[in-house]
Amino acid sequence: MNIISILIGFVTLAFGLVAFIPLLGWMNWFVIPIGIVGAALGALSTSRSGRNLNLVLIVIFALRLMLGGGIF
């Protein structure tokens, strides 16, 4: 489960880096739920690295979404 969570984290990172391009910030609305799924799968495993990776990515992309005016 941890390896699947890490792979989902890398997919989230790849899509999230594209979402940092100006005018593509709306992609964060799709990236954050992918990270949540990865964090949930990481929580089911005994290792914590996949969960922590996804949680960090969720926080970073949520901050980017807030700075872009997508939340609040």
N, C-alpha and C. Protein backbone atom coordinates (compact mmCIF):
# COMPACT_ATOMS: atom_id res chain seq x y z
N MET A 1 0.82 -1.19 0.00
CA MET A 1 0.00 0.00 0.00
C MET A 1 0.87 1.25 0.00
N ASN A 2 2.00 1.20 0.67
CA ASN A 2 2.87 2.36 0.75
C ASN A 2 3.45 2.70 -0.63
N ILE A 3 3.81 1.69 -1.40
CA ILE A 3 4.37 1.93 -2.73
C ILE A 3 3.30 2.56 -3.63
N ILE A 4 2.08 2.10 -3.54
CA ILE A 4 0.99 2.69 -4.32
C ILE A 4 0.78 4.14 -3.91
N SER A 5 0.85 4.41 -2.60
CA SER A 5 0.70 5.77 -2.11
C SER A 5 1.81 6.68 -2.62
N ILE A 6 3.03 6.18 -2.65
CA ILE A 6 4.15 6.97 -3.17
C ILE A 6 3.98 7.22 -4.66
N LEU A 7 3.53 6.23 -5.41
CA LEU A 7 3.30 6.42 -6.84
C LEU A 7 2.20 7.46 -7.08
N ILE A 8 1.14 7.41 -6.28
CA ILE A 8 0.09 8.42 -6.39
C ILE A 8 0.65 9.79 -6.03
N GLY A 9 1.55 9.83 -5.06
CA GLY A 9 2.20 11.09 -4.69
C GLY A 9 3.02 11.66 -5.84
N PHE A 10 3.72 10.82 -6.58
CA PHE A 10 4.50 11.30 -7.72
C PHE A 10 3.59 11.79 -8.84
N VAL A 11 2.46 11.12 -9.04
CA VAL A 11 1.48 11.59 -10.04
C VAL A 11 0.93 12.94 -9.60
N THR A 12 0.61 13.07 -8.32
CA THR A 12 0.13 14.34 -7.79
C THR A 12 1.17 15.43 -7.97
N LEU A 13 2.42 15.11 -7.73
CA LEU A 13 3.50 16.09 -7.90
C LEU A 13 3.63 16.52 -9.36
N ALA A 14 3.55 15.58 -10.27
CA ALA A 14 3.68 15.90 -11.69
C ALA A 14 2.55 16.83 -12.14
N PHE A 15 1.31 16.48 -11.79
CA PHE A 15 0.18 17.33 -12.16
C PHE A 15 0.23 18.67 -11.43
N GLY A 16 0.70 18.64 -10.20
CA GLY A 16 0.79 19.87 -9.41
C GLY A 16 1.82 20.83 -9.95
N LEU A 17 2.92 20.32 -10.47
CA LEU A 17 3.91 21.20 -11.07
C LEU A 17 3.37 21.88 -12.31
N VAL A 18 2.55 21.18 -13.06
CA VAL A 18 1.89 21.79 -14.22
C VAL A 18 0.92 22.87 -13.74
N ALA A 19 0.27 22.64 -12.60
CA ALA A 19 -0.71 23.59 -12.07
C ALA A 19 -0.05 24.87 -11.56
N PHE A 20 1.27 24.88 -11.39
CA PHE A 20 1.97 26.10 -10.97
C PHE A 20 2.14 27.08 -12.13
N ILE A 21 1.91 26.65 -13.35
CA ILE A 21 1.99 27.54 -14.51
C ILE A 21 0.82 28.52 -14.42
N PRO A 22 1.09 29.80 -14.67
CA PRO A 22 0.00 30.78 -14.60
C PRO A 22 -1.17 30.39 -15.52
N LEU A 23 -2.36 30.67 -15.06
CA LEU A 23 -3.63 30.37 -15.72
C LEU A 23 -4.00 28.89 -15.70
N LEU A 24 -3.20 28.06 -15.06
CA LEU A 24 -3.55 26.65 -14.90
C LEU A 24 -3.77 26.27 -13.44
N GLY A 25 -3.96 27.28 -12.58
CA GLY A 25 -4.18 27.04 -11.16
C GLY A 25 -5.45 26.27 -10.86
N TRP A 26 -6.41 26.30 -11.81
CA TRP A 26 -7.65 25.55 -11.62
C TRP A 26 -7.39 24.06 -11.53
N MET A 27 -6.23 23.60 -12.02
CA MET A 27 -5.90 22.17 -11.94
C MET A 27 -5.73 21.70 -10.51
N ASN A 28 -5.45 22.65 -9.58
CA ASN A 28 -5.30 22.26 -8.18
C ASN A 28 -6.58 21.65 -7.62
N TRP A 29 -7.72 22.02 -8.20
CA TRP A 29 -8.97 21.41 -7.75
C TRP A 29 -9.02 19.93 -8.07
N PHE A 30 -8.24 19.47 -9.03
CA PHE A 30 -8.17 18.05 -9.38
C PHE A 30 -6.98 17.36 -8.71
N VAL A 31 -5.93 18.13 -8.44
CA VAL A 31 -4.71 17.56 -7.87
C VAL A 31 -4.90 17.24 -6.39
N ILE A 32 -5.56 18.12 -5.67
CA ILE A 32 -5.72 17.92 -4.22
C ILE A 32 -6.51 16.64 -3.90
N PRO A 33 -7.62 16.34 -4.57
CA PRO A 33 -8.30 15.06 -4.27
C PRO A 33 -7.46 13.82 -4.59
N ILE A 34 -6.62 13.91 -5.62
CA ILE A 34 -5.72 12.78 -5.91
C ILE A 34 -4.76 12.58 -4.73
N GLY A 35 -4.26 13.69 -4.19
CA GLY A 35 -3.38 13.60 -3.02
C GLY A 35 -4.09 13.06 -1.80
N ILE A 36 -5.36 13.39 -1.65
CA ILE A 36 -6.14 12.87 -0.52
C ILE A 36 -6.29 11.35 -0.62
N VAL A 37 -6.53 10.86 -1.83
CA VAL A 37 -6.62 9.41 -2.03
C VAL A 37 -5.28 8.75 -1.70
N GLY A 38 -4.18 9.37 -2.15
CA GLY A 38 -2.85 8.83 -1.83
C GLY A 38 -2.57 8.83 -0.34
N ALA A 39 -2.98 9.89 0.35
CA ALA A 39 -2.78 9.95 1.80
C ALA A 39 -3.60 8.89 2.52
N ALA A 40 -4.81 8.64 2.02
CA ALA A 40 -5.65 7.61 2.63
C ALA A 40 -5.04 6.23 2.45
N LEU A 41 -4.52 5.97 1.26
CA LEU A 41 -3.86 4.67 1.04
C LEU A 41 -2.58 4.56 1.88
N GLY A 42 -1.87 5.68 2.03
CA GLY A 42 -0.67 5.66 2.85
C GLY A 42 -0.98 5.45 4.32
N ALA A 43 -2.15 5.90 4.75
CA ALA A 43 -2.54 5.70 6.15
C ALA A 43 -2.85 4.24 6.43
N LEU A 44 -3.20 3.48 5.40
CA LEU A 44 -3.52 2.07 5.58
C LEU A 44 -2.27 1.19 5.68
N SER A 45 -1.12 1.74 5.28
CA SER A 45 0.10 0.93 5.31
C SER A 45 0.82 1.13 6.64
N THR A 46 1.80 0.27 6.90
CA THR A 46 2.55 0.38 8.14
C THR A 46 3.63 1.44 8.06
N SER A 47 4.11 1.74 6.87
CA SER A 47 5.12 2.78 6.69
C SER A 47 4.44 4.14 6.52
N ARG A 48 5.12 5.20 6.87
CA ARG A 48 4.50 6.52 6.87
C ARG A 48 4.98 7.41 5.73
N SER A 49 5.92 6.98 4.93
CA SER A 49 6.52 7.87 3.93
C SER A 49 5.53 8.28 2.85
N GLY A 50 4.71 7.38 2.36
CA GLY A 50 3.73 7.71 1.33
C GLY A 50 2.68 8.67 1.83
N ARG A 51 2.21 8.44 3.04
CA ARG A 51 1.22 9.33 3.63
C ARG A 51 1.80 10.73 3.83
N ASN A 52 3.02 10.80 4.35
CA ASN A 52 3.64 12.09 4.60
C ASN A 52 3.90 12.85 3.30
N LEU A 53 4.33 12.15 2.26
CA LEU A 53 4.54 12.78 0.96
C LEU A 53 3.25 13.42 0.46
N ASN A 54 2.17 12.68 0.52
CA ASN A 54 0.89 13.19 0.02
C ASN A 54 0.37 14.33 0.89
N LEU A 55 0.56 14.26 2.20
CA LEU A 55 0.11 15.35 3.06
C LEU A 55 0.87 16.64 2.77
N VAL A 56 2.17 16.53 2.55
CA VAL A 56 2.97 17.72 2.21
C VAL A 56 2.50 18.31 0.88
N LEU A 57 2.25 17.46 -0.09
CA LEU A 57 1.79 17.93 -1.39
C LEU A 57 0.41 18.58 -1.29
N ILE A 58 -0.47 18.03 -0.49
CA ILE A 58 -1.80 18.61 -0.30
C ILE A 58 -1.67 20.02 0.28
N VAL A 59 -0.83 20.18 1.28
CA VAL A 59 -0.65 21.49 1.91
C VAL A 59 -0.08 22.50 0.92
N ILE A 60 0.94 22.09 0.16
CA ILE A 60 1.56 23.00 -0.81
C ILE A 60 0.56 23.44 -1.87
N PHE A 61 -0.18 22.51 -2.41
CA PHE A 61 -1.11 22.86 -3.48
C PHE A 61 -2.34 23.58 -2.96
N ALA A 62 -2.73 23.35 -1.73
CA ALA A 62 -3.83 24.11 -1.14
C ALA A 62 -3.39 25.56 -0.90
N LEU A 63 -2.15 25.75 -0.48
CA LEU A 63 -1.63 27.12 -0.33
C LEU A 63 -1.58 27.83 -1.67
N ARG A 64 -1.16 27.12 -2.70
CA ARG A 64 -1.13 27.71 -4.04
C ARG A 64 -2.53 28.08 -4.49
N LEU A 65 -3.49 27.25 -4.17
CA LEU A 65 -4.87 27.54 -4.54
C LEU A 65 -5.39 28.77 -3.78
N MET A 66 -5.03 28.88 -2.52
CA MET A 66 -5.45 30.05 -1.74
C MET A 66 -4.80 31.32 -2.27
N LEU A 67 -3.53 31.27 -2.61
CA LEU A 67 -2.85 32.45 -3.14
C LEU A 67 -3.42 32.88 -4.48
N GLY A 68 -3.89 31.94 -5.25
CA GLY A 68 -4.49 32.26 -6.54
C GLY A 68 -5.94 32.70 -6.45
N GLY A 69 -6.52 32.66 -5.27
CA GLY A 69 -7.90 33.10 -5.09
C GLY A 69 -8.93 32.00 -5.29
N GLY A 70 -8.51 30.76 -5.34
CA GLY A 70 -9.45 29.66 -5.57
C GLY A 70 -10.21 29.25 -4.33
N ILE A 71 -9.64 29.53 -3.14
CA ILE A 71 -10.31 29.24 -1.88
C ILE A 71 -10.37 30.55 -1.10
N PHE A 72 -11.52 30.86 -0.57
CA PHE A 72 -11.79 32.09 0.19
C PHE A 72 -11.70 33.23 -0.74
